[in-house]
Amino acid sequence: MIRRAALLALIGMGVLSACSEGRDARVLGGDDIVYRVPVTGVVELGLAPFIERSIREAEEAGADALVLEIETPGGRVDAAQRIANALNDAPLPVYAYVNRRAYSAGALIALATDRVFMREGAVMGAATPVTGEGDKAPEKIVSAMRSEMRALAQERGLDPRVAEAMVDEEIEIEGVVERGKLLTLTSGEAERLGYATAVQDWDGVLAAIELQNAVAVTSEQNWAESVVRFFTHPVVAPFLLSLGFLGLLVEIKTAGFGLAGAAGVASLALFFGAHMLVGLAGWEELILLGVGVVLLAVEAFVVPGFGVFGIGGIVAVLASIYLSLVGQFSTGVDYSQAAMVLSASVLVMMVLGWALLRTLPRSQRLARSGVLLSDELDRETGYLSAAVREELVGAEGVAVTDLRPAGAGTFADERLDVVAEAGWIERGTPIRIVSSEGYRLVVRPLSEAALRRPADDAAADGA
């Protein structure tokens, strides 16, 4: 319920726009209505809420049918399963129009409809699950996908071996596919096997379902669904994680709280917010993330060194992110893909973090602005109140005060605090810097005759 409320709050204006579109369809007299729903790009969980909303709107508008126009290379199996469940529960006829290609998860979605239409030259199949590295998934995962496709084919009264051959290349069907080759059907092959009906175009679909005079209402993603789908994309999600980690890492090394920290927090908020809306992340993951942050804070500000709290905090944060990348009905493919995304994010963060932490401290502009501190403390050197200016050794100037033994001198129009190496030096005496020792610039007169000993002054006072 909380997730539904959050989603409704986020998409407010988009839902109102979509609802007004549905109302417009209902006032078109007594014409038949067909909802046209595009299924394009990678199939991820951000696509499922859009299709579910389209089904609800089609029902409310009194539509006679809903057609999914599919053009996808595939994607997440759990997302396709969620979409298939919504299609099976739809209260109106649902058809698939494969416009060019329906691979992998797209084939599963197409088979979940009441009838499949394929544009001439379109293809459907190649549904074997793969790991994050692109290799074929273990037999356990392949078996689950094979059973899913077989069940969908049996429900429609089709030959289940054809659907299984799309998943497993070990299945041989005489005259269709030989052993060792994965099945991908063309429009003509699919029509011959009863899996689809070949059509010329969209008008051919409407004619086949006897709704050629129907008004077509195209369902479009609203701005919120587009944003959520974008941020849950397999390419964008690791980028958000890397940017979030990197921003927080840079913020730790800089003074105060600034742009880097704000960018890090915003990136992580977008990641968890988008995944929460599509059902990947829940309150459990957010609580786990909060526990991790608290443990890291304790490690940083309360307990010295790095130990149990730091390790526990890192494990909790990584676990919350990993769980947010997998769904409730995820397969082994999704788990391996989540591990790959998380590993890639951590690797990118470590490389960029190392590069930034080596480069930023050398930036004099950031040091002058106060964003970064140019001085550092370590146990070997202790506290340094000023930078060691070895470039001044050998510089000549004039004492502007009496050096007894400390005072001041000018060197190339720069006034510096100096200390005499031995004895006292009178004001106006030419001097040379002989060593730089932290805050101490040690000088001696250019002429030994100008050097006075404390004992000389004492003798003069006694006389």
Protein backbone atom coordinates (compact mmCIF):
# COMPACT_ATOMS: atom_id res chain seq x y z
CA MET A 1 0.00 0.00 0.00
CA ILE A 2 2.85 2.38 0.83
CA ARG A 3 4.50 1.72 -2.51
CA ARG A 4 1.24 2.34 -4.37
CA ALA A 5 0.72 5.60 -2.47
CA ALA A 6 4.26 6.75 -3.26
CA LEU A 7 3.82 5.91 -6.92
CA LEU A 8 0.49 7.75 -7.13
CA ALA A 9 1.99 10.80 -5.42
CA LEU A 10 4.93 10.85 -7.81
CA ILE A 11 3.02 10.46 -11.06
CA GLY A 12 0.13 12.77 -10.13
CA MET A 13 0.14 15.02 -13.18
CA GLY A 14 0.91 12.13 -15.50
CA VAL A 15 -2.00 10.08 -14.22
CA LEU A 16 -4.37 13.03 -14.59
CA SER A 17 -3.21 13.48 -18.17
CA ALA A 18 -3.66 9.79 -18.92
CA CYS A 19 -7.09 9.73 -17.32
CA SER A 20 -8.21 12.69 -19.40
CA GLU A 21 -7.06 10.78 -22.49
CA GLY A 22 -9.21 7.85 -21.41
CA ARG A 23 -12.21 10.13 -20.94
CA ASP A 24 -11.69 11.51 -24.43
CA ALA A 25 -11.87 7.97 -25.79
CA ARG A 26 -15.11 7.28 -23.97
CA VAL A 27 -16.92 10.24 -25.53
CA LEU A 28 -16.25 9.16 -29.13
CA GLY A 29 -19.83 8.12 -29.64
CA GLY A 30 -20.39 4.40 -30.10
CA ASP A 31 -17.13 3.70 -31.95
CA ASP A 32 -15.04 0.69 -31.05
CA ILE A 33 -11.85 1.45 -29.09
CA VAL A 34 -8.49 -0.33 -29.26
CA TYR A 35 -5.67 0.59 -26.89
CA ARG A 36 -2.23 0.49 -28.52
CA VAL A 37 0.53 -0.01 -25.94
CA PRO A 38 4.19 0.22 -27.09
CA VAL A 39 6.62 -2.26 -25.51
CA THR A 40 10.01 -0.98 -26.63
CA GLY A 41 13.55 -1.02 -25.32
CA VAL A 42 14.91 -3.22 -22.58
CA VAL A 43 12.29 -5.01 -20.49
CA GLU A 44 12.83 -3.94 -16.89
CA LEU A 45 10.56 -3.58 -13.88
CA GLY A 46 9.91 0.06 -14.72
CA LEU A 47 7.92 -1.16 -17.75
CA ALA A 48 5.49 -3.26 -15.69
CA PRO A 49 3.64 -0.36 -13.94
CA PHE A 50 3.11 1.31 -17.33
CA ILE A 51 1.47 -1.79 -18.83
CA GLU A 52 -0.62 -2.37 -15.68
CA ARG A 53 -1.86 1.22 -15.83
CA SER A 54 -2.64 0.89 -19.55
CA ILE A 55 -4.78 -2.19 -18.87
CA ARG A 56 -6.73 -0.36 -16.16
CA GLU A 57 -7.32 2.65 -18.40
CA ALA A 58 -8.43 0.46 -21.31
CA GLU A 59 -10.96 -1.23 -19.04
CA GLU A 60 -12.24 2.10 -17.70
CA ALA A 61 -12.54 3.48 -21.23
CA GLY A 62 -14.62 0.48 -22.28
CA ALA A 63 -12.04 -0.58 -24.86
CA ASP A 64 -12.78 -3.63 -26.99
CA ALA A 65 -9.17 -4.80 -27.06
CA LEU A 66 -5.63 -3.93 -26.05
CA VAL A 67 -2.67 -4.54 -28.38
CA LEU A 68 0.96 -4.63 -27.23
CA GLU A 69 3.25 -3.40 -30.01
CA ILE A 70 6.49 -5.23 -29.21
CA GLU A 71 9.99 -4.22 -30.31
CA THR A 72 12.48 -5.36 -27.68
CA PRO A 73 15.79 -7.23 -27.34
CA GLY A 74 14.56 -8.73 -24.05
CA GLY A 75 15.48 -7.99 -20.46
CA ARG A 76 14.61 -9.07 -16.94
CA VAL A 77 12.73 -12.33 -16.55
CA ASP A 78 10.98 -11.22 -13.35
CA ALA A 79 9.74 -8.08 -15.13
CA ALA A 80 8.36 -10.22 -17.98
CA GLN A 81 6.68 -12.51 -15.44
CA ARG A 82 5.01 -9.56 -13.73
CA ILE A 83 3.78 -8.28 -17.09
CA ALA A 84 2.57 -11.76 -18.08
CA ASN A 85 0.58 -11.99 -14.84
CA ALA A 86 -1.07 -8.65 -15.58
CA LEU A 87 -1.94 -9.79 -19.11
CA ASN A 88 -3.45 -13.06 -17.89
CA ASP A 89 -5.60 -11.17 -15.39
CA ALA A 90 -6.72 -8.53 -17.92
CA PRO A 91 -10.54 -8.26 -18.17
CA LEU A 92 -10.43 -7.54 -21.93
CA PRO A 93 -8.82 -9.29 -24.91
CA VAL A 94 -5.08 -8.64 -25.16
CA TYR A 95 -3.07 -9.20 -28.35
CA ALA A 96 0.60 -8.91 -29.27
CA TYR A 97 1.85 -7.23 -32.44
CA VAL A 98 5.52 -8.09 -32.96
CA ASN A 99 6.78 -5.14 -34.94
CA ARG A 100 10.27 -6.29 -35.97
CA ARG A 101 11.50 -8.43 -33.03
CA ALA A 102 10.50 -10.01 -29.71
CA TYR A 103 13.54 -11.69 -28.20
CA SER A 104 13.93 -13.38 -24.81
CA ALA A 105 11.60 -11.69 -22.29
CA GLY A 106 9.74 -10.13 -25.23
CA ALA A 107 8.83 -13.62 -26.50
CA LEU A 108 7.49 -14.53 -23.05
CA ILE A 109 5.31 -11.39 -23.02
CA ALA A 110 4.01 -12.12 -26.52
CA LEU A 111 3.02 -15.69 -25.61
CA ALA A 112 1.16 -14.40 -22.55
CA THR A 113 -1.37 -12.61 -24.79
CA ASP A 114 -4.50 -14.13 -26.35
CA ARG A 115 -3.07 -14.06 -29.87
CA VAL A 116 0.19 -13.05 -31.56
CA PHE A 117 0.46 -11.08 -34.78
CA MET A 118 3.80 -10.62 -36.52
CA ARG A 119 4.71 -8.10 -39.13
CA GLU A 120 6.23 -9.72 -42.20
CA GLY A 121 9.96 -10.00 -41.62
CA ALA A 122 9.61 -9.94 -37.82
CA VAL A 123 11.22 -12.54 -35.54
CA MET A 124 10.38 -14.01 -32.15
CA GLY A 125 12.32 -16.36 -29.85
CA ALA A 126 15.91 -16.74 -28.55
CA ALA A 127 14.59 -16.87 -25.01
CA THR A 128 17.35 -18.79 -23.28
CA PRO A 129 18.38 -17.05 -20.03
CA VAL A 130 21.96 -15.85 -19.72
CA THR A 131 24.21 -14.74 -16.88
CA GLY A 132 25.50 -11.24 -16.39
CA GLU A 133 28.58 -12.17 -18.43
CA GLY A 134 26.46 -13.28 -21.40
CA ASP A 135 26.95 -17.02 -20.85
CA LYS A 136 24.10 -19.49 -20.72
CA ALA A 137 22.52 -19.70 -17.27
CA PRO A 138 22.72 -22.89 -15.17
CA GLU A 139 20.29 -25.71 -15.92
CA LYS A 140 18.11 -24.80 -12.93
CA ILE A 141 17.40 -21.37 -14.42
CA VAL A 142 16.97 -22.71 -17.95
CA SER A 143 14.52 -25.32 -16.66
CA ALA A 144 12.41 -22.66 -14.92
CA MET A 145 12.25 -20.52 -18.06
CA ARG A 146 11.50 -23.57 -20.22
CA SER A 147 8.59 -24.53 -17.95
CA GLU A 148 7.27 -20.95 -18.03
CA MET A 149 7.22 -20.89 -21.82
CA ARG A 150 5.73 -24.41 -22.02
CA ALA A 151 2.89 -23.45 -19.68
CA LEU A 152 2.05 -20.36 -21.75
CA ALA A 153 1.99 -22.41 -24.96
CA GLN A 154 -0.20 -25.12 -23.45
CA GLU A 155 -2.64 -22.52 -22.18
CA ARG A 156 -3.09 -21.26 -25.75
CA GLY A 157 -3.34 -24.77 -27.19
CA LEU A 158 0.02 -24.59 -29.01
CA ASP A 159 2.77 -27.17 -29.37
CA PRO A 160 4.77 -26.69 -26.14
CA ARG A 161 7.95 -28.13 -27.66
CA VAL A 162 8.25 -25.09 -29.92
CA ALA A 163 8.17 -22.73 -26.94
CA GLU A 164 10.70 -24.91 -25.10
CA ALA A 165 13.02 -24.90 -28.12
CA MET A 166 13.14 -21.10 -27.87
CA VAL A 167 14.74 -21.57 -24.44
CA ASP A 168 16.83 -24.75 -24.74
CA GLU A 169 18.96 -25.61 -27.78
CA GLU A 170 19.00 -29.26 -26.72
CA ILE A 171 15.38 -29.68 -27.87
CA GLU A 172 15.05 -30.97 -31.41
CA ILE A 173 11.87 -30.67 -33.51
CA GLU A 174 11.93 -32.37 -36.88
CA GLY A 175 11.46 -29.90 -39.69
CA VAL A 176 11.67 -26.94 -37.30
CA VAL A 177 14.99 -26.87 -35.44
CA GLU A 178 17.85 -29.30 -35.02
CA ARG A 179 19.60 -30.14 -31.78
CA GLY A 180 22.23 -27.64 -30.72
CA LYS A 181 20.51 -24.59 -32.24
CA LEU A 182 18.23 -22.17 -30.41
CA LEU A 183 14.86 -21.56 -32.06
CA THR A 184 13.94 -18.12 -33.36
CA LEU A 185 10.82 -17.99 -35.52
CA THR A 186 10.24 -15.74 -38.48
CA SER A 187 6.73 -14.50 -39.16
CA GLY A 188 6.22 -17.19 -41.81
CA GLU A 189 7.52 -20.00 -39.59
CA ALA A 190 5.45 -18.80 -36.64
CA GLU A 191 2.31 -18.75 -38.81
CA ARG A 192 3.00 -22.25 -40.12
CA LEU A 193 3.36 -23.56 -36.55
CA GLY A 194 0.24 -21.71 -35.35
CA TYR A 195 2.23 -19.44 -33.07
CA ALA A 196 1.36 -16.21 -34.86
CA THR A 197 -0.56 -14.64 -37.71
CA ALA A 198 1.43 -12.72 -40.30
CA VAL A 199 0.13 -9.20 -41.09
CA GLN A 200 1.32 -6.32 -43.22
CA ASP A 201 0.97 -3.54 -40.68
CA TRP A 202 -1.15 -2.13 -37.87
CA ASP A 203 -4.24 -2.01 -40.06
CA GLY A 204 -3.78 -5.71 -40.71
CA VAL A 205 -3.93 -6.36 -36.96
CA LEU A 206 -7.18 -4.42 -36.62
CA ALA A 207 -8.66 -6.30 -39.58
CA ALA A 208 -7.62 -9.67 -38.10
CA ILE A 209 -9.41 -8.94 -34.82
CA GLU A 210 -12.42 -7.51 -36.72
CA LEU A 211 -11.97 -4.01 -35.33
CA GLN A 212 -10.80 -2.28 -38.52
CA ASN A 213 -13.08 0.70 -37.86
CA ALA A 214 -12.01 1.06 -34.24
CA VAL A 215 -10.50 4.24 -32.80
CA ALA A 216 -6.89 3.57 -31.77
CA VAL A 217 -5.82 5.17 -28.49
CA THR A 218 -2.05 5.06 -27.99
CA SER A 219 -1.06 4.69 -24.37
CA GLU A 220 2.05 6.69 -23.57
CA GLN A 221 4.31 6.72 -20.58
CA ASN A 222 3.82 9.75 -18.38
CA TRP A 223 6.82 11.75 -17.19
CA ALA A 224 7.06 9.93 -13.85
CA GLU A 225 7.02 6.46 -15.41
CA SER A 226 9.67 7.56 -17.91
CA VAL A 227 11.86 8.88 -15.09
CA VAL A 228 11.45 5.73 -13.01
CA ARG A 229 12.13 3.49 -15.99
CA PHE A 230 15.23 5.55 -16.86
CA PHE A 231 16.69 5.35 -13.36
CA THR A 232 16.07 1.60 -13.11
CA HIS A 233 17.75 0.91 -16.46
CA PRO A 234 20.63 -1.61 -16.11
CA VAL A 235 23.07 0.99 -17.46
CA VAL A 236 21.87 3.99 -15.43
CA ALA A 237 21.54 2.20 -12.06
CA PRO A 238 25.28 1.46 -11.65
CA PHE A 239 26.08 5.02 -12.75
CA LEU A 240 23.86 6.39 -9.97
CA LEU A 241 25.52 4.10 -7.44
CA SER A 242 29.02 5.09 -8.56
CA LEU A 243 28.15 8.79 -8.47
CA GLY A 244 26.54 8.42 -5.04
CA PHE A 245 29.53 6.62 -3.52
CA LEU A 246 32.01 8.97 -5.18
CA GLY A 247 30.20 12.09 -4.00
CA LEU A 248 30.16 10.90 -0.40
CA LEU A 249 33.82 9.87 -0.60
CA VAL A 250 34.87 13.30 -1.86
CA GLU A 251 32.68 14.97 0.76
CA ILE A 252 34.49 13.10 3.54
CA LYS A 253 37.81 14.50 2.29
CA THR A 254 36.60 18.10 2.01
CA ALA A 255 35.67 20.70 4.56
CA GLY A 256 31.99 21.26 5.41
CA PHE A 257 29.12 19.94 3.30
CA GLY A 258 28.97 21.03 -0.31
CA LEU A 259 28.17 20.10 -3.88
CA ALA A 260 29.87 16.69 -3.82
CA GLY A 261 27.90 15.51 -0.79
CA ALA A 262 24.63 16.86 -2.16
CA ALA A 263 25.23 15.07 -5.49
CA GLY A 264 26.05 11.83 -3.67
CA VAL A 265 22.94 11.94 -1.50
CA ALA A 266 20.74 12.88 -4.47
CA SER A 267 22.11 10.02 -6.59
CA LEU A 268 21.49 7.42 -3.87
CA ALA A 269 18.03 8.88 -3.23
CA LEU A 270 17.16 8.57 -6.94
CA PHE A 271 18.45 5.01 -7.00
CA PHE A 272 16.50 3.80 -3.96
CA GLY A 273 13.43 5.91 -4.74
CA ALA A 274 13.09 4.58 -8.30
CA HIS A 275 13.71 0.98 -7.24
CA MET A 276 11.22 1.33 -4.40
CA LEU A 277 8.50 2.55 -6.75
CA VAL A 278 8.90 -0.41 -9.12
CA GLY A 279 8.87 -2.87 -6.22
CA LEU A 280 12.56 -3.79 -6.16
CA ALA A 281 13.39 -1.93 -2.95
CA GLY A 282 11.21 -1.87 0.14
CA TRP A 283 11.35 -0.65 3.70
CA GLU A 284 13.56 -3.61 4.59
CA GLU A 285 16.29 -2.39 2.24
CA LEU A 286 15.94 1.20 3.46
CA ILE A 287 16.21 0.10 7.09
CA LEU A 288 19.28 -1.98 6.25
CA LEU A 289 20.81 1.05 4.51
CA GLY A 290 20.09 3.22 7.57
CA VAL A 291 21.71 0.68 9.88
CA GLY A 292 24.79 0.66 7.65
CA VAL A 293 25.05 4.45 7.67
CA VAL A 294 24.72 4.55 11.47
CA LEU A 295 27.44 1.91 11.88
CA LEU A 296 29.77 3.84 9.60
CA ALA A 297 29.05 7.06 11.52
CA VAL A 298 29.89 5.31 14.80
CA GLU A 299 33.12 4.03 13.27
CA ALA A 300 34.05 7.48 11.99
CA PHE A 301 33.15 9.67 14.98
CA VAL A 302 32.99 7.44 18.07
CA VAL A 303 35.23 4.41 17.80
CA PRO A 304 38.85 5.10 16.77
CA GLY A 305 40.47 3.06 14.03
CA PHE A 306 38.65 0.68 11.72
CA GLY A 307 37.00 -2.44 13.09
CA VAL A 308 33.73 -4.26 13.58
CA PHE A 309 31.48 -1.22 13.16
CA GLY A 310 33.13 -0.17 9.91
CA ILE A 311 33.01 -3.65 8.42
CA GLY A 312 29.42 -4.14 9.53
CA GLY A 313 28.41 -0.78 8.06
CA ILE A 314 29.97 -1.54 4.68
CA VAL A 315 28.35 -4.99 4.56
CA ALA A 316 24.93 -3.55 5.48
CA VAL A 317 25.11 -0.80 2.82
CA LEU A 318 26.24 -3.20 0.08
CA ALA A 319 23.59 -5.74 1.09
CA SER A 320 20.82 -3.11 0.93
CA ILE A 321 21.94 -2.08 -2.56
CA TYR A 322 22.21 -5.68 -3.76
CA LEU A 323 18.72 -6.54 -2.48
CA SER A 324 17.39 -3.43 -4.22
CA LEU A 325 18.68 -4.74 -7.54
CA VAL A 326 16.79 -8.04 -7.37
CA GLY A 327 13.04 -8.51 -7.34
CA GLN A 328 10.76 -10.72 -5.32
CA PHE A 329 10.58 -13.35 -8.08
CA SER A 330 14.09 -12.96 -9.43
CA THR A 331 15.91 -15.74 -11.20
CA GLY A 332 19.57 -16.66 -11.08
CA VAL A 333 20.10 -14.40 -14.08
CA ASP A 334 18.82 -11.42 -12.13
CA TYR A 335 20.98 -12.28 -9.13
CA SER A 336 24.11 -12.54 -11.26
CA GLN A 337 23.24 -9.30 -13.06
CA ALA A 338 22.75 -7.55 -9.71
CA ALA A 339 26.15 -8.81 -8.53
CA MET A 340 27.73 -7.55 -11.75
CA VAL A 341 26.09 -4.12 -11.42
CA LEU A 342 27.18 -3.76 -7.80
CA SER A 343 30.72 -4.95 -8.54
CA ALA A 344 31.04 -2.58 -11.48
CA SER A 345 29.78 0.33 -9.36
CA VAL A 346 32.26 -0.38 -6.57
CA LEU A 347 35.11 -0.78 -9.06
CA VAL A 348 34.30 2.49 -10.84
CA MET A 349 33.98 4.27 -7.50
CA MET A 350 37.36 2.96 -6.31
CA VAL A 351 39.19 3.92 -9.51
CA LEU A 352 37.64 7.39 -9.79
CA GLY A 353 37.97 7.95 -6.04
CA TRP A 354 41.65 7.08 -6.14
CA ALA A 355 42.20 9.43 -9.09
CA LEU A 356 40.28 12.30 -7.48
CA LEU A 357 41.93 11.95 -4.09
CA ARG A 358 45.33 12.10 -5.76
CA THR A 359 44.43 15.08 -7.93
CA LEU A 360 42.19 17.30 -5.79
CA PRO A 361 44.67 17.97 -2.93
CA ARG A 362 47.09 19.45 -5.49
CA SER A 363 44.56 22.00 -6.71
CA GLN A 364 45.72 25.40 -5.48
CA ARG A 365 42.42 26.97 -6.54
CA LEU A 366 40.42 24.66 -4.27
CA ALA A 367 42.94 25.18 -1.48
CA ARG A 368 42.68 28.97 -1.71
CA SER A 369 38.87 28.79 -1.77
CA GLY A 370 38.81 26.67 1.39
CA VAL A 371 37.08 23.71 -0.25
CA LEU A 372 40.15 21.58 0.39
CA LEU A 373 42.77 21.90 3.11
CA SER A 374 46.26 22.22 1.72
CA ASP A 375 48.01 21.22 4.95
CA GLU A 376 47.79 17.87 6.66
CA LEU A 377 48.90 16.35 9.93
CA ASP A 378 50.60 13.03 10.48
CA ARG A 379 52.27 11.45 13.46
CA GLU A 380 55.77 11.74 11.98
CA THR A 381 55.80 15.54 11.45
CA GLY A 382 53.30 16.53 14.12
CA TYR A 383 51.63 19.93 13.97
CA LEU A 384 52.77 22.42 11.34
CA SER A 385 51.63 26.02 11.84
CA ALA A 386 53.05 27.11 8.49
CA ALA A 387 54.26 25.54 5.30
CA VAL A 388 57.96 24.73 4.91
CA ARG A 389 59.21 27.21 2.32
CA GLU A 390 62.46 25.71 1.22
CA GLU A 391 62.50 27.94 -1.87
CA LEU A 392 63.41 30.90 0.38
CA VAL A 393 66.74 29.42 1.45
CA GLY A 394 69.46 31.72 0.08
CA ALA A 395 67.13 34.71 -0.35
CA GLU A 396 68.62 38.06 0.70
CA GLY A 397 66.79 40.89 2.37
CA VAL A 398 66.92 43.50 5.13
CA ALA A 399 66.02 43.26 8.81
CA VAL A 400 63.17 45.70 9.46
CA THR A 401 63.30 45.18 13.23
CA ASP A 402 66.06 44.34 15.65
CA LEU A 403 66.51 40.57 15.70
CA ARG A 404 67.04 39.63 19.38
CA PRO A 405 67.02 36.89 18.18
CA ALA A 406 63.49 36.98 16.58
CA GLY A 407 62.07 39.74 14.49
CA ALA A 408 61.05 40.53 10.95
CA GLY A 409 62.72 41.06 7.61
CA THR A 410 61.70 41.97 4.08
CA PHE A 411 62.61 39.79 1.12
CA ALA A 412 61.56 40.97 -2.34
CA ASP A 413 58.74 43.10 -0.87
CA GLU A 414 57.50 40.21 1.31
CA ARG A 415 57.64 40.70 5.08
CA LEU A 416 58.53 37.51 6.94
CA ASP A 417 59.07 36.51 10.54
CA VAL A 418 62.67 35.42 10.97
CA VAL A 419 65.10 34.47 13.74
CA ALA A 420 68.82 35.15 13.94
CA GLU A 421 71.08 32.11 13.73
CA ALA A 422 73.35 33.42 16.52
CA GLY A 423 73.59 36.71 18.35
CA TRP A 424 71.56 39.82 17.67
CA ILE A 425 71.16 41.74 14.44
CA GLU A 426 70.31 45.43 14.28
CA ARG A 427 67.50 46.84 12.15
CA GLY A 428 68.56 47.76 8.59
CA THR A 429 71.21 45.06 8.42
CA PRO A 430 71.35 43.06 5.15
CA ILE A 431 70.54 39.43 5.94
CA ARG A 432 70.34 36.06 4.17
CA ILE A 433 68.01 33.11 4.92
CA VAL A 434 70.16 30.06 5.64
CA SER A 435 67.46 27.46 6.52
CA SER A 436 63.69 26.91 6.59
CA GLU A 437 62.42 24.87 9.53
CA GLY A 438 58.64 24.91 9.42
CA TYR A 439 57.57 28.25 10.84
CA ARG A 440 61.26 29.20 11.54
CA LEU A 441 63.22 31.08 8.89
CA VAL A 442 66.80 31.24 10.18
CA VAL A 443 68.94 34.19 8.97
CA ARG A 444 72.47 35.48 9.35
CA PRO A 445 73.94 38.90 8.45
CA LEU A 446 75.75 39.26 5.15
CA SER A 447 78.63 40.84 7.13
CA GLU A 448 79.94 39.25 10.30
CA ALA A 449 80.85 42.73 11.53
CA ALA A 450 77.17 43.51 11.88
CA LEU A 451 76.64 40.60 14.25
CA ARG A 452 76.44 41.53 17.95
CA ARG A 453 76.61 39.15 20.87
CA PRO A 454 74.40 39.54 23.94
CA ALA A 455 77.56 39.67 26.01
CA ASP A 456 78.71 42.74 24.08
CA ASP A 457 75.53 44.61 24.98
CA ALA A 458 75.87 43.54 28.61
CA ALA A 459 79.44 44.88 28.74
CA ALA A 460 78.34 48.14 27.16
CA ASP A 461 75.60 48.55 29.74
CA GLY A 462 78.11 47.91 32.61
CA ALA A 463 80.49 50.55 31.32
